[in-house]
Amino acid sequence: MSAPAAPWIALAAVAILTGSAARGQEPTVGDVVSVTVRDGVTRSDELHIAMRPEAALEALRGVLDHQPERFDALWRAARETVNLGMLSEDRDTARRWYEDAVAYATRAVELEPDSAVAHQWYAIALGRKALSRSPGERVDLSVQVRAAARRAIDLDDASAGAHNVLGQWHAEIQRLSGLTRFVAERLLGGATFREASWDAAELHLRKAIDLEPNALVHRVALARVYLDLEQVAEARAELERALGLPDAAPTDPVTRREAASLLREIGP
């Protein structure tokens, strides 16, 4: 059974019926669908800014019910499902959200293969999916993650999310045990792992911060790299900067708690 129409859908229908009547025309189904879709995408952005990812996703699902191949709804749906995964406190639930995000982003990339935003959210969704898995599973996904992030950056070097993903890719490869990395390089087609470095991790995360200086997630990711490198003063500085920023994304409360926890671990 389909869910009842959201209030904004009903209002859209009323608006177009009223407008058509005023023009002395009979409204068509296409008229109603067109307004519904347009207003659904706009409404999802409003809800995203209001930090209500679940409601934003509901609006986008309403759009996709009418137009399953609506590109601007698909990449936004990937964005909201990534957010819901990051906000989930249950690991299995988070994994399911990330699977949904990958599916939405995959379809967006298929529809617009030269879109940087599609590849960015595909990279982010794959990256989050990988981070939710075991080290061995991460290895299997990592080649795809790197390729998606690189493609987004090739299309638009100002893709902060893709730089974040690529920076974390370098860091995660460096964090692998020697044995796991050896096996990946020799047996699992992970030859690109030899390119991974701490310098590249810092470079891409710094680039993400330059592009989005108010994004907590970039600063916390960079702080983790500095901790891996035992550069405690630099890590503390990034964490303190992150905690001084206002919430600007639905997942910022989670990222803020992570930053505070890391700062406590560092100590005075």
Protein backbone atom coordinates (compact mmCIF):
# COMPACT_ATOMS: atom_id res chain seq x y z
CA MET A 1 0.00 0.00 0.00
CA SER A 2 1.43 3.40 -0.93
CA ALA A 3 1.93 6.00 1.78
CA PRO A 4 -0.51 8.94 1.92
CA ALA A 5 0.59 12.02 0.02
CA ALA A 6 2.73 14.41 2.01
CA PRO A 7 1.06 17.78 2.78
CA TRP A 8 3.29 19.66 0.33
CA ILE A 9 2.11 17.30 -2.47
CA ALA A 10 -1.52 18.06 -1.70
CA LEU A 11 -0.80 21.80 -1.62
CA ALA A 12 1.01 21.56 -4.94
CA ALA A 13 -1.99 19.84 -6.49
CA VAL A 14 -4.38 22.49 -5.12
CA ALA A 15 -2.14 25.27 -6.44
CA ILE A 16 -2.02 23.94 -9.98
CA LEU A 17 -5.72 23.12 -10.07
CA THR A 18 -6.52 26.66 -8.95
CA GLY A 19 -4.09 28.14 -11.47
CA SER A 20 -5.48 26.10 -14.35
CA ALA A 21 -9.03 27.03 -13.46
CA ALA A 22 -8.10 30.71 -13.44
CA ARG A 23 -6.72 30.30 -16.97
CA GLY A 24 -9.87 28.52 -18.10
CA GLN A 25 -7.93 25.29 -18.75
CA GLU A 26 -8.35 21.75 -17.56
CA PRO A 27 -5.22 20.69 -15.57
CA THR A 28 -3.49 17.57 -16.77
CA VAL A 29 -1.87 14.80 -14.74
CA GLY A 30 1.45 15.95 -16.19
CA ASP A 31 0.88 19.44 -14.74
CA VAL A 32 0.35 18.06 -11.25
CA VAL A 33 3.32 15.70 -11.47
CA SER A 34 5.60 18.47 -12.73
CA VAL A 35 4.78 20.76 -9.81
CA THR A 36 4.94 17.88 -7.33
CA VAL A 37 8.42 16.89 -8.50
CA ARG A 38 9.76 20.43 -8.59
CA ASP A 39 8.38 21.29 -5.16
CA GLY A 40 9.57 17.97 -3.73
CA VAL A 41 13.21 18.66 -4.62
CA THR A 42 12.97 22.21 -3.30
CA ARG A 43 11.31 21.00 -0.11
CA SER A 44 14.06 18.41 0.41
CA ASP A 45 16.70 21.16 0.29
CA GLU A 46 14.78 23.17 2.86
CA LEU A 47 14.56 20.14 5.14
CA HIS A 48 18.25 19.39 4.61
CA ILE A 49 19.17 22.91 5.70
CA ALA A 50 16.84 22.45 8.69
CA MET A 51 18.86 19.30 9.52
CA ARG A 52 15.94 16.92 9.04
CA PRO A 53 17.40 14.22 6.76
CA GLU A 54 14.62 11.70 7.29
CA ALA A 55 11.95 14.19 6.24
CA ALA A 56 14.14 15.33 3.32
CA LEU A 57 14.44 11.74 2.16
CA GLU A 58 10.67 11.28 2.41
CA ALA A 59 10.18 14.29 0.12
CA LEU A 60 12.69 12.88 -2.36
CA ARG A 61 11.07 9.45 -2.33
CA GLY A 62 7.82 11.18 -3.25
CA VAL A 63 9.58 12.70 -6.25
CA LEU A 64 11.19 9.40 -7.26
CA ASP A 65 7.83 7.63 -7.04
CA HIS A 66 6.74 9.81 -9.96
CA GLN A 67 10.08 10.05 -11.78
CA PRO A 68 12.46 7.21 -10.78
CA GLU A 69 15.21 8.61 -13.01
CA ARG A 70 15.09 12.16 -11.71
CA PHE A 71 18.81 12.94 -11.40
CA ASP A 72 18.62 15.85 -8.97
CA ALA A 73 16.47 13.75 -6.63
CA LEU A 74 18.76 10.70 -6.85
CA TRP A 75 21.99 12.39 -5.74
CA ARG A 76 20.13 14.23 -2.99
CA ALA A 77 18.65 10.92 -1.82
CA ALA A 78 22.21 9.54 -1.65
CA ARG A 79 23.17 12.55 0.48
CA GLU A 80 20.31 12.07 2.93
CA THR A 81 20.80 8.31 3.28
CA VAL A 82 24.50 8.87 4.01
CA ASN A 83 23.46 11.34 6.71
CA LEU A 84 20.98 8.86 8.18
CA GLY A 85 23.65 6.18 8.23
CA MET A 86 26.06 8.45 10.07
CA LEU A 87 23.37 9.39 12.56
CA SER A 88 22.35 5.80 13.25
CA GLU A 89 23.57 4.31 16.52
CA ASP A 90 22.94 0.77 15.30
CA ARG A 91 25.68 -0.66 13.08
CA ASP A 92 23.37 -2.88 11.02
CA THR A 93 20.91 -0.03 10.44
CA ALA A 94 23.77 2.23 9.38
CA ARG A 95 24.96 -0.39 6.91
CA ARG A 96 21.51 -0.58 5.34
CA TRP A 97 21.41 3.20 4.95
CA TYR A 98 24.81 3.14 3.26
CA GLU A 99 23.65 0.39 0.90
CA ASP A 100 20.67 2.58 -0.05
CA ALA A 101 23.02 5.55 -0.54
CA VAL A 102 25.24 3.54 -2.87
CA ALA A 103 22.18 2.46 -4.87
CA TYR A 104 20.89 6.02 -5.27
CA ALA A 105 24.33 7.37 -6.17
CA THR A 106 24.99 4.53 -8.63
CA ARG A 107 21.83 5.41 -10.51
CA ALA A 108 22.75 9.10 -10.51
CA VAL A 109 26.18 8.30 -11.99
CA GLU A 110 24.58 6.09 -14.63
CA LEU A 111 22.25 8.91 -15.65
CA GLU A 112 24.88 11.67 -15.60
CA PRO A 113 28.34 10.06 -15.95
CA ASP A 114 30.05 13.44 -16.28
CA SER A 115 28.49 14.97 -13.16
CA ALA A 116 30.97 15.79 -10.40
CA VAL A 117 28.25 15.91 -7.74
CA ALA A 118 27.04 12.42 -8.69
CA HIS A 119 30.53 10.97 -8.47
CA GLN A 120 31.16 12.85 -5.24
CA TRP A 121 28.17 11.28 -3.51
CA TYR A 122 28.97 7.90 -5.02
CA ALA A 123 32.46 8.19 -3.53
CA ILE A 124 31.10 9.34 -0.15
CA ALA A 125 28.50 6.56 -0.06
CA LEU A 126 31.07 3.89 -0.98
CA GLY A 127 33.53 5.33 1.53
CA ARG A 128 31.00 5.24 4.35
CA LYS A 129 30.00 1.72 3.36
CA ALA A 130 33.66 0.67 3.47
CA LEU A 131 34.26 2.30 6.87
CA SER A 132 31.34 0.33 8.30
CA ARG A 133 32.93 -2.99 7.28
CA SER A 134 35.79 -5.15 8.51
CA PRO A 135 39.36 -4.38 7.36
CA GLY A 136 39.20 -7.22 4.82
CA GLU A 137 35.94 -5.93 3.35
CA ARG A 138 37.35 -2.42 3.24
CA VAL A 139 40.15 -3.66 1.02
CA ASP A 140 37.63 -5.09 -1.44
CA LEU A 141 35.78 -1.75 -1.66
CA SER A 142 38.77 0.58 -1.48
CA VAL A 143 39.70 0.42 -5.17
CA GLN A 144 36.16 1.52 -6.08
CA VAL A 145 36.22 4.28 -3.46
CA ARG A 146 39.47 5.72 -4.80
CA ALA A 147 38.28 5.57 -8.42
CA ALA A 148 35.01 7.35 -7.60
CA ALA A 149 36.74 10.09 -5.61
CA ARG A 150 39.37 10.60 -8.30
CA ARG A 151 36.68 10.85 -10.99
CA ALA A 152 34.79 13.50 -9.00
CA ILE A 153 37.98 15.53 -8.53
CA ASP A 154 38.90 15.19 -12.20
CA LEU A 155 35.49 16.61 -13.08
CA ASP A 156 35.62 19.36 -10.43
CA ASP A 157 38.68 19.99 -8.29
CA ALA A 158 36.48 22.03 -5.94
CA SER A 159 34.65 18.87 -4.80
CA ALA A 160 35.36 19.08 -1.07
CA GLY A 161 33.56 15.83 -0.29
CA ALA A 162 35.66 13.94 -2.83
CA HIS A 163 38.88 15.39 -1.40
CA ASN A 164 37.73 14.26 2.04
CA VAL A 165 37.08 10.74 0.76
CA LEU A 166 40.43 10.56 -1.03
CA GLY A 167 42.25 11.90 2.02
CA GLN A 168 40.61 9.30 4.22
CA TRP A 169 41.37 6.63 1.60
CA HIS A 170 45.09 7.37 1.89
CA ALA A 171 44.84 7.33 5.69
CA GLU A 172 42.88 4.07 5.84
CA ILE A 173 45.37 2.29 3.58
CA GLN A 174 48.22 3.52 5.75
CA ARG A 175 46.38 2.18 8.82
CA LEU A 176 46.16 -1.36 7.43
CA SER A 177 48.39 -3.94 9.02
CA GLY A 178 51.49 -4.87 7.04
CA LEU A 179 50.13 -8.34 6.28
CA THR A 180 46.71 -7.10 5.12
CA ARG A 181 48.30 -4.50 2.87
CA PHE A 182 50.76 -7.03 1.44
CA VAL A 183 47.97 -9.47 0.61
CA ALA A 184 45.85 -6.72 -0.91
CA GLU A 185 48.67 -5.48 -3.11
CA ARG A 186 49.75 -8.91 -4.30
CA LEU A 187 46.55 -10.95 -4.46
CA LEU A 188 43.49 -8.68 -4.50
CA GLY A 189 44.33 -6.27 -7.27
CA GLY A 190 45.21 -3.50 -4.86
CA ALA A 191 48.31 -2.26 -6.66
CA THR A 192 47.06 1.31 -6.22
CA PHE A 193 47.65 0.86 -2.49
CA ARG A 194 51.33 1.52 -3.14
CA GLU A 195 50.35 5.11 -3.93
CA ALA A 196 48.92 5.68 -0.44
CA SER A 197 50.77 8.06 1.84
CA TRP A 198 50.27 10.18 4.93
CA ASP A 199 51.37 13.25 2.95
CA ALA A 200 48.58 12.69 0.42
CA ALA A 201 46.05 12.15 3.23
CA GLU A 202 46.98 15.50 4.76
CA LEU A 203 47.05 17.24 1.37
CA HIS A 204 43.52 16.19 0.39
CA LEU A 205 42.02 16.84 3.80
CA ARG A 206 43.66 20.28 3.86
CA LYS A 207 42.15 20.92 0.42
CA ALA A 208 38.72 19.90 1.73
CA ILE A 209 39.12 22.35 4.63
CA ASP A 210 40.19 25.14 2.28
CA LEU A 211 37.05 24.53 0.21
CA GLU A 212 34.70 24.12 3.19
CA PRO A 213 36.35 25.75 6.22
CA ASN A 214 33.21 25.44 8.35
CA ALA A 215 32.76 21.69 7.82
CA LEU A 216 33.49 19.84 11.06
CA VAL A 217 33.93 16.48 9.32
CA HIS A 218 37.03 17.60 7.39
CA ARG A 219 38.79 18.95 10.47
CA VAL A 220 38.10 15.86 12.57
CA ALA A 221 39.35 13.59 9.78
CA LEU A 222 42.56 15.64 9.57
CA ALA A 223 42.94 15.54 13.35
CA ARG A 224 42.84 11.75 13.22
CA VAL A 225 45.64 11.77 10.65
CA TYR A 226 47.73 14.01 12.90
CA LEU A 227 47.12 11.62 15.81
CA ASP A 228 48.29 8.71 13.67
CA LEU A 229 51.44 10.72 12.97
CA GLU A 230 51.80 11.59 16.69
CA GLN A 231 51.47 15.28 15.88
CA VAL A 232 49.38 15.96 18.96
CA ALA A 233 49.56 19.75 18.93
CA GLU A 234 48.29 19.88 15.34
CA ALA A 235 45.51 17.40 16.14
CA ARG A 236 44.43 19.40 19.19
CA ALA A 237 44.33 22.61 17.14
CA GLU A 238 42.06 21.07 14.50
CA LEU A 239 39.75 19.57 17.10
CA GLU A 240 39.46 22.87 18.95
CA ARG A 241 38.70 24.65 15.68
CA ALA A 242 36.03 22.06 14.90
CA LEU A 243 34.40 22.48 18.30
CA GLY A 244 34.34 26.24 17.79
CA LEU A 245 32.28 25.95 14.61
CA PRO A 246 28.46 26.07 14.51
CA ASP A 247 26.48 23.06 13.35
CA ALA A 248 25.95 23.35 9.59
CA ALA A 249 25.17 19.75 8.54
CA PRO A 250 22.73 17.15 9.91
CA THR A 251 25.62 14.97 11.10
CA ASP A 252 27.53 17.75 12.89
CA PRO A 253 26.26 16.79 16.38
CA VAL A 254 27.78 13.31 15.88
CA THR A 255 31.02 14.76 14.53
CA ARG A 256 31.14 17.23 17.42
CA ARG A 257 30.86 14.41 19.98
CA GLU A 258 33.66 12.58 18.16
CA ALA A 259 35.86 15.68 18.30
CA ALA A 260 35.18 16.18 22.00
CA SER A 261 35.96 12.52 22.72
CA LEU A 262 39.28 12.72 20.85
CA LEU A 263 40.20 15.91 22.67
CA ARG A 264 39.56 14.23 26.03
CA GLU A 265 41.76 11.32 24.99
CA ILE A 266 44.59 13.69 24.11
CA GLY A 267 44.35 15.37 27.47
CA PRO A 268 45.65 18.79 28.49
